[in-house]
Amino acid sequence: MGNVRLCRTFQTAPAAVPKDDSAKYLRSGLEAEGFQAPDWLVPDMEDGTAPDMKDEGLENTIELIPEYDFPGSIWPRVEWSYEDASFRDRGREQIDRLVAEIGDEIDGVVVPKVGRLSDVERAADAVAEAEAEHGYADGSIGLSVIIETARAKSDLRKIAAFGADSRLTALVFGPVDYTAELGGRDLGDGRPRWDGLLEELSNEASAGDLLSIGGPFDDLFKERAGLTYYNAEDYADQVEREAELGLDGSWSLYPKQTIQANTIHMPTPEELERDVSKIERFNEAKREGTGAVTLDGQMVDEATFKNFRNTVEQVRTIHETRPEQTDERYDEELLERALDLELSYN
């Protein structure tokens, strides 16, 4: 399990579908390259796989993952439910099989439909038991949970605090189940956006040193004048809104969404040049012993400096695991400046 914390894209791929090649979409995700490859590929044995194909989905996941040198992280989504013990039992069985047979190949598991903190602790215990049973060090297999129930939302701060000292890695929003549980309605312009919840998710994840991931956007295609086309604009609007709120990444259901999310959650060359230049000039002023520093009309203090630094640190994190993306996106000289920069404020 890697130490780099990067999840611009959380792409779910049905682990089994009713086709001649039931692993078609999982195989496609594992074969993806460049900006089409998500940071996290999530083989989905829950909602994305039909009830009568769950077992086949588990077998596909166990069989295929070791065959590929996937550039990102692998996080299978298992079955679970805070209110149904039978789903939790299946989830425990799936976790046990995954750890037993491909524990070296996965970074963790994603557990959906968790309830209150006690249920998240129950999921963490299931992972810990599988680790111990199959000879893995404590904490080597991560846990991420989908916040999609009223109970989880009510205990969000407690769950995030638990995550600060546990294997919990990310909080992911599940708007479809959340809307259904609250009795929300689509009055003609889509489901509620839940901006307040997303802001809280971003805040609590940051407080608990966790990653925060936005929910799926399932209006993949539009039709106009007899032409069906990919709905790139509306998905980009959602991802940009999530990025503005400080979420670390976005949910992807489709390779084109992955390209967009990978790109939007990555500083543009103009952003990187702007912030690298400001840090370079700030560092020069420090060396000359200047007190207050004004850059491009902006007074720079520690808070503004941290915003400049965030841009550079995000690029460095991407470069550590996905250098083919940073090499493609940035001029070589600019990238070298970003990698060599002194980022200490004092």
Protein backbone atom coordinates (compact mmCIF):
# COMPACT_ATOMS: atom_id res chain seq x y z
CA MET A 1 0.00 0.00 0.00
CA GLY A 2 1.48 3.32 -1.10
CA ASN A 3 2.00 6.40 1.06
CA VAL A 4 1.02 8.94 -1.60
CA ARG A 5 -2.40 10.46 -0.91
CA LEU A 6 -3.91 11.20 -4.29
CA CYS A 7 -7.47 10.60 -5.45
CA ARG A 8 -8.48 13.13 -8.07
CA THR A 9 -10.61 10.42 -9.65
CA PHE A 10 -12.63 7.69 -7.95
CA GLN A 11 -13.76 5.58 -10.91
CA THR A 12 -16.18 2.75 -10.24
CA ALA A 13 -16.23 -0.14 -12.72
CA PRO A 14 -18.89 -2.87 -12.53
CA ALA A 15 -17.07 -6.07 -11.59
CA ALA A 16 -19.48 -8.18 -13.66
CA VAL A 17 -22.01 -7.31 -16.36
CA PRO A 18 -24.34 -9.50 -18.47
CA LYS A 19 -22.09 -9.64 -21.54
CA ASP A 20 -20.00 -12.34 -23.20
CA ASP A 21 -17.04 -10.87 -21.34
CA SER A 22 -18.61 -10.17 -17.95
CA ALA A 23 -15.45 -8.32 -16.85
CA LYS A 24 -15.51 -5.95 -19.84
CA TYR A 25 -15.71 -2.70 -17.89
CA LEU A 26 -13.32 -3.79 -15.16
CA ARG A 27 -10.82 -4.87 -17.80
CA SER A 28 -11.21 -1.53 -19.57
CA GLY A 29 -10.46 0.34 -16.35
CA LEU A 30 -7.37 -1.75 -15.65
CA GLU A 31 -6.06 -1.16 -19.19
CA ALA A 32 -6.54 2.63 -19.09
CA GLU A 33 -3.48 4.82 -19.58
CA GLY A 34 -2.57 8.49 -19.29
CA PHE A 35 -5.30 10.89 -18.21
CA GLN A 36 -7.91 8.17 -18.86
CA ALA A 37 -6.51 6.11 -15.97
CA PRO A 38 -8.09 7.10 -12.63
CA ASP A 39 -6.08 7.63 -9.47
CA TRP A 40 -8.39 5.11 -7.78
CA LEU A 41 -10.02 2.30 -9.72
CA VAL A 42 -12.94 0.86 -7.75
CA PRO A 43 -14.07 -2.62 -8.90
CA ASP A 44 -17.72 -2.45 -7.92
CA MET A 45 -19.37 -5.49 -6.37
CA GLU A 46 -22.19 -3.42 -4.89
CA ASP A 47 -24.72 -1.26 -6.77
CA GLY A 48 -22.86 -1.43 -10.09
CA THR A 49 -23.20 -5.22 -10.30
CA ALA A 50 -26.53 -7.03 -10.63
CA PRO A 51 -27.63 -9.09 -7.59
CA ASP A 52 -27.23 -12.40 -9.41
CA MET A 53 -23.69 -11.51 -10.58
CA LYS A 54 -22.06 -10.49 -7.28
CA ASP A 55 -20.15 -13.77 -6.93
CA GLU A 56 -18.90 -13.57 -10.50
CA GLY A 57 -17.87 -9.97 -9.87
CA LEU A 58 -15.75 -11.04 -6.92
CA GLU A 59 -14.10 -13.78 -8.98
CA ASN A 60 -13.43 -11.36 -11.85
CA THR A 61 -11.82 -8.91 -9.45
CA ILE A 62 -9.60 -11.55 -7.86
CA GLU A 63 -8.62 -13.00 -11.24
CA LEU A 64 -7.96 -9.83 -13.23
CA ILE A 65 -6.27 -7.39 -10.87
CA PRO A 66 -2.98 -9.33 -10.60
CA GLU A 67 -2.73 -9.46 -14.41
CA TYR A 68 -2.29 -5.70 -14.78
CA ASP A 69 0.29 -3.12 -13.73
CA PHE A 70 -2.30 -0.45 -13.00
CA PRO A 71 -0.72 3.03 -12.52
CA GLY A 72 -3.08 4.13 -9.73
CA SER A 73 -4.58 2.52 -6.62
CA ILE A 74 -7.10 -0.34 -6.46
CA TRP A 75 -10.00 -0.05 -3.99
CA PRO A 76 -12.76 -2.68 -4.48
CA ARG A 77 -16.23 -1.69 -3.29
CA VAL A 78 -17.85 -4.49 -1.31
CA GLU A 79 -21.42 -4.97 -0.10
CA TRP A 80 -22.52 -3.52 3.25
CA SER A 81 -25.52 -2.01 5.02
CA TYR A 82 -25.86 -0.56 8.48
CA GLU A 83 -29.43 -1.89 8.67
CA ASP A 84 -29.11 -5.36 7.11
CA ALA A 85 -26.86 -7.98 8.69
CA SER A 86 -26.97 -10.19 5.59
CA PHE A 87 -25.26 -7.46 3.53
CA ARG A 88 -22.63 -7.00 6.23
CA ASP A 89 -21.99 -10.75 6.29
CA ARG A 90 -21.45 -10.75 2.53
CA GLY A 91 -19.20 -7.73 2.86
CA ARG A 92 -17.06 -9.50 5.47
CA GLU A 93 -16.78 -12.55 3.20
CA GLN A 94 -15.78 -10.36 0.25
CA ILE A 95 -13.20 -8.49 2.33
CA ASP A 96 -11.76 -11.76 3.58
CA ARG A 97 -11.45 -13.20 0.05
CA LEU A 98 -9.92 -10.02 -1.33
CA VAL A 99 -7.30 -9.79 1.42
CA ALA A 100 -6.58 -13.52 1.30
CA GLU A 101 -6.09 -13.73 -2.45
CA ILE A 102 -5.00 -10.28 -3.68
CA GLY A 103 -4.06 -8.43 -0.51
CA ASP A 104 -0.74 -7.40 -2.08
CA GLU A 105 -2.54 -5.94 -5.09
CA ILE A 106 -5.14 -3.69 -3.42
CA ASP A 107 -4.72 -0.54 -1.38
CA GLY A 108 -7.94 -0.96 0.57
CA VAL A 109 -11.68 -1.54 0.34
CA VAL A 110 -14.62 0.82 -0.04
CA VAL A 111 -17.57 0.15 2.26
CA PRO A 112 -20.94 1.69 1.30
CA LYS A 113 -24.08 2.53 3.25
CA VAL A 114 -22.39 2.83 6.62
CA GLY A 115 -24.44 4.15 9.53
CA ARG A 116 -23.20 5.72 12.72
CA LEU A 117 -19.63 5.66 14.00
CA SER A 118 -20.14 2.21 15.54
CA ASP A 119 -20.88 0.80 12.09
CA VAL A 120 -17.74 2.37 10.61
CA GLU A 121 -15.79 0.81 13.49
CA ARG A 122 -17.45 -2.51 12.65
CA ALA A 123 -16.25 -2.22 9.04
CA ALA A 124 -12.73 -1.34 10.21
CA ASP A 125 -12.77 -4.41 12.46
CA ALA A 126 -13.72 -6.60 9.48
CA VAL A 127 -10.64 -5.38 7.59
CA ALA A 128 -8.42 -5.82 10.66
CA GLU A 129 -9.65 -9.39 11.13
CA ALA A 130 -8.89 -10.24 7.50
CA GLU A 131 -5.41 -8.73 7.82
CA ALA A 132 -4.65 -10.74 10.94
CA GLU A 133 -6.06 -13.94 9.46
CA HIS A 134 -3.96 -13.72 6.32
CA GLY A 135 -0.67 -12.42 7.69
CA TYR A 136 -0.77 -8.73 6.84
CA ALA A 137 0.55 -6.01 9.12
CA ASP A 138 -2.07 -3.99 10.95
CA GLY A 139 -3.11 -1.02 8.85
CA SER A 140 -1.71 -2.32 5.56
CA ILE A 141 -5.19 -2.52 4.01
CA GLY A 142 -7.06 0.78 4.01
CA LEU A 143 -10.74 1.55 4.45
CA SER A 144 -12.85 4.21 2.78
CA VAL A 145 -16.56 4.72 3.44
CA ILE A 146 -19.41 6.19 1.43
CA ILE A 147 -21.44 8.79 3.31
CA GLU A 148 -24.93 8.16 1.95
CA THR A 149 -27.19 7.72 4.98
CA ALA A 150 -28.71 10.11 7.49
CA ARG A 151 -26.92 8.30 10.31
CA ALA A 152 -23.51 8.68 8.71
CA LYS A 153 -24.16 12.36 8.03
CA SER A 154 -25.23 12.87 11.66
CA ASP A 155 -22.02 11.21 12.89
CA LEU A 156 -19.77 12.71 10.21
CA ARG A 157 -17.55 14.62 12.64
CA LYS A 158 -17.13 11.56 14.88
CA ILE A 159 -16.36 9.36 11.87
CA ALA A 160 -13.73 11.80 10.61
CA ALA A 161 -12.17 12.04 14.07
CA PHE A 162 -12.01 8.24 14.19
CA GLY A 163 -10.30 8.33 10.81
CA ALA A 164 -7.48 10.51 12.10
CA ASP A 165 -6.10 7.55 14.10
CA SER A 166 -7.25 4.55 12.08
CA ARG A 167 -7.06 2.85 8.68
CA LEU A 168 -9.84 5.13 7.39
CA THR A 169 -8.51 6.95 4.32
CA ALA A 170 -11.36 8.71 2.51
CA LEU A 171 -14.93 9.92 2.89
CA VAL A 172 -16.95 9.59 -0.32
CA PHE A 173 -20.36 11.17 -0.90
CA GLY A 174 -23.21 8.98 -2.17
CA PRO A 175 -25.97 11.43 -3.21
CA VAL A 176 -28.42 8.96 -4.75
CA ASP A 177 -28.97 6.83 -1.65
CA TYR A 178 -28.73 9.90 0.58
CA THR A 179 -31.48 11.69 -1.35
CA ALA A 180 -33.67 8.58 -1.23
CA GLU A 181 -33.17 8.11 2.51
CA LEU A 182 -34.07 11.73 3.25
CA GLY A 183 -37.07 11.63 0.95
CA GLY A 184 -35.62 14.30 -1.34
CA ARG A 185 -37.27 14.94 -4.69
CA ASP A 186 -36.34 15.71 -8.26
CA LEU A 187 -38.72 18.53 -9.16
CA GLY A 188 -37.64 18.66 -12.77
CA ASP A 189 -34.09 19.94 -12.64
CA GLY A 190 -32.31 17.02 -11.04
CA ARG A 191 -31.62 15.81 -7.52
CA PRO A 192 -30.57 18.26 -4.79
CA ARG A 193 -26.91 19.32 -5.00
CA TRP A 194 -26.30 19.06 -1.24
CA ASP A 195 -23.66 21.81 -1.32
CA GLY A 196 -23.79 22.22 2.46
CA LEU A 197 -23.03 18.54 2.99
CA LEU A 198 -20.14 18.67 0.51
CA GLU A 199 -18.66 21.65 2.34
CA GLU A 200 -18.98 19.79 5.63
CA LEU A 201 -17.46 16.67 4.08
CA SER A 202 -14.48 18.70 2.88
CA ASN A 203 -14.07 20.34 6.28
CA GLU A 204 -14.34 17.20 8.39
CA ALA A 205 -12.08 15.22 6.06
CA SER A 206 -9.43 17.93 6.31
CA ALA A 207 -9.77 18.00 10.10
CA GLY A 208 -9.30 14.22 10.22
CA ASP A 209 -6.48 14.20 7.62
CA LEU A 210 -8.67 12.21 5.24
CA LEU A 211 -9.41 12.50 1.55
CA SER A 212 -12.83 13.79 0.48
CA ILE A 213 -14.50 12.65 -2.74
CA GLY A 214 -17.62 14.03 -4.42
CA GLY A 215 -20.55 11.95 -5.60
CA PRO A 216 -21.26 10.47 -9.04
CA PHE A 217 -22.75 12.41 -11.95
CA ASP A 218 -24.96 9.98 -13.85
CA ASP A 219 -26.43 12.22 -16.57
CA LEU A 220 -23.77 10.94 -18.93
CA PHE A 221 -25.43 11.85 -22.22
CA LYS A 222 -27.69 14.52 -23.66
CA GLU A 223 -29.80 14.49 -26.79
CA ARG A 224 -30.54 17.41 -29.07
CA ALA A 225 -31.84 17.56 -32.62
CA GLY A 226 -31.55 13.81 -32.96
CA LEU A 227 -27.93 13.71 -31.80
CA THR A 228 -26.81 12.03 -28.58
CA TYR A 229 -23.60 13.46 -27.14
CA TYR A 230 -21.47 13.16 -24.00
CA ASN A 231 -22.50 15.65 -21.31
CA ALA A 232 -19.04 17.08 -20.67
CA GLU A 233 -20.12 20.59 -19.69
CA ASP A 234 -22.44 19.69 -16.81
CA TYR A 235 -19.98 17.17 -15.37
CA ALA A 236 -17.21 19.77 -15.54
CA ASP A 237 -19.46 22.20 -13.65
CA GLN A 238 -19.90 19.65 -10.85
CA VAL A 239 -16.20 18.81 -10.62
CA GLU A 240 -15.20 22.47 -10.60
CA ARG A 241 -17.69 23.14 -7.79
CA GLU A 242 -16.21 20.24 -5.79
CA ALA A 243 -12.68 21.53 -6.40
CA GLU A 244 -13.68 25.01 -5.22
CA LEU A 245 -15.03 23.49 -1.99
CA GLY A 246 -11.68 21.79 -1.39
CA LEU A 247 -12.68 18.22 -2.15
CA ASP A 248 -9.68 16.14 -3.16
CA GLY A 249 -11.39 14.33 -6.00
CA SER A 250 -14.52 13.44 -7.91
CA TRP A 251 -16.42 10.27 -8.66
CA SER A 252 -16.17 9.01 -12.26
CA LEU A 253 -18.51 6.58 -14.00
CA TYR A 254 -16.99 6.77 -17.45
CA PRO A 255 -13.51 7.14 -19.02
CA LYS A 256 -14.30 10.61 -20.40
CA GLN A 257 -15.32 11.73 -16.92
CA THR A 258 -11.99 10.44 -15.62
CA ILE A 259 -10.10 12.59 -18.13
CA GLN A 260 -12.06 15.65 -17.00
CA ALA A 261 -11.71 15.02 -13.26
CA ASN A 262 -8.00 14.22 -13.52
CA THR A 263 -7.51 17.49 -15.39
CA ILE A 264 -9.73 19.77 -13.26
CA HIS A 265 -8.20 18.53 -9.99
CA MET A 266 -4.76 19.35 -11.40
CA PRO A 267 -3.40 22.90 -11.49
CA THR A 268 -3.30 24.44 -14.94
CA PRO A 269 0.08 25.50 -16.33
CA GLU A 270 -1.00 29.11 -15.78
CA GLU A 271 -1.85 28.43 -12.10
CA LEU A 272 1.46 26.66 -11.57
CA GLU A 273 3.49 29.42 -13.23
CA ARG A 274 1.63 32.06 -11.18
CA ASP A 275 2.21 30.38 -7.82
CA VAL A 276 5.75 29.16 -8.51
CA SER A 277 6.68 32.71 -9.51
CA LYS A 278 5.13 34.16 -6.36
CA ILE A 279 6.98 31.69 -4.11
CA GLU A 280 10.25 32.35 -5.94
CA ARG A 281 9.88 36.10 -5.44
CA PHE A 282 8.81 35.66 -1.82
CA ASN A 283 11.87 33.49 -1.18
CA GLU A 284 14.11 36.13 -2.77
CA ALA A 285 12.59 38.80 -0.54
CA LYS A 286 13.25 36.62 2.51
CA ARG A 287 16.91 36.27 1.52
CA GLU A 288 17.18 40.06 1.24
CA GLY A 289 15.67 40.48 4.69
CA THR A 290 12.48 42.21 3.55
CA GLY A 291 9.62 42.20 6.05
CA ALA A 292 6.20 42.60 4.48
CA VAL A 293 6.08 41.39 0.90
CA THR A 294 3.68 42.56 -1.80
CA LEU A 295 3.48 40.48 -4.97
CA ASP A 296 1.42 41.69 -7.94
CA GLY A 297 -0.41 44.04 -5.61
CA GLN A 298 -1.20 41.28 -3.10
CA MET A 299 0.11 41.42 0.46
CA VAL A 300 1.56 37.99 1.22
CA ASP A 301 1.23 36.52 4.69
CA GLU A 302 1.38 32.93 5.88
CA ALA A 303 -2.23 32.21 4.86
CA THR A 304 -1.79 33.40 1.26
CA PHE A 305 1.56 31.64 1.06
CA LYS A 306 -0.14 28.34 1.98
CA ASN A 307 -2.46 28.74 -1.00
CA PHE A 308 0.51 29.18 -3.34
CA ARG A 309 2.19 26.17 -1.72
CA ASN A 310 -0.92 23.98 -2.12
CA THR A 311 -0.66 24.35 -5.90
CA VAL A 312 2.96 23.22 -5.94
CA GLU A 313 2.41 20.37 -3.49
CA GLN A 314 -0.48 19.02 -5.58
CA VAL A 315 1.74 18.97 -8.67
CA ARG A 316 4.51 17.25 -6.74
CA THR A 317 2.08 14.60 -5.46
CA ILE A 318 0.81 13.91 -8.97
CA HIS A 319 4.35 13.78 -10.30
CA GLU A 320 5.34 11.20 -7.70
CA THR A 321 2.85 8.61 -8.99
CA ARG A 322 1.74 9.86 -12.41
CA PRO A 323 4.82 11.54 -13.94
CA GLU A 324 3.56 10.89 -17.46
CA GLN A 325 0.72 13.32 -16.71
CA THR A 326 2.87 16.13 -15.31
CA ASP A 327 5.37 15.68 -18.16
CA GLU A 328 2.55 16.06 -20.67
CA ARG A 329 0.83 18.99 -18.96
CA TYR A 330 3.74 21.23 -17.96
CA ASP A 331 6.73 22.73 -19.70
CA GLU A 332 9.90 20.96 -18.57
CA GLU A 333 11.50 24.11 -17.18
CA LEU A 334 8.36 25.05 -15.21
CA LEU A 335 8.06 21.55 -13.77
CA GLU A 336 11.69 21.58 -12.66
CA ARG A 337 11.17 24.93 -10.92
CA ALA A 338 8.14 23.51 -9.09
CA LEU A 339 10.01 20.39 -8.00
CA ASP A 340 13.09 22.31 -6.77
CA LEU A 341 11.24 25.11 -4.96
CA GLU A 342 11.77 25.84 -1.27
CA LEU A 343 8.28 25.74 0.27
CA SER A 344 8.97 26.84 3.85
CA TYR A 345 7.26 30.09 4.84
CA ASN A 346 9.78 31.06 7.53
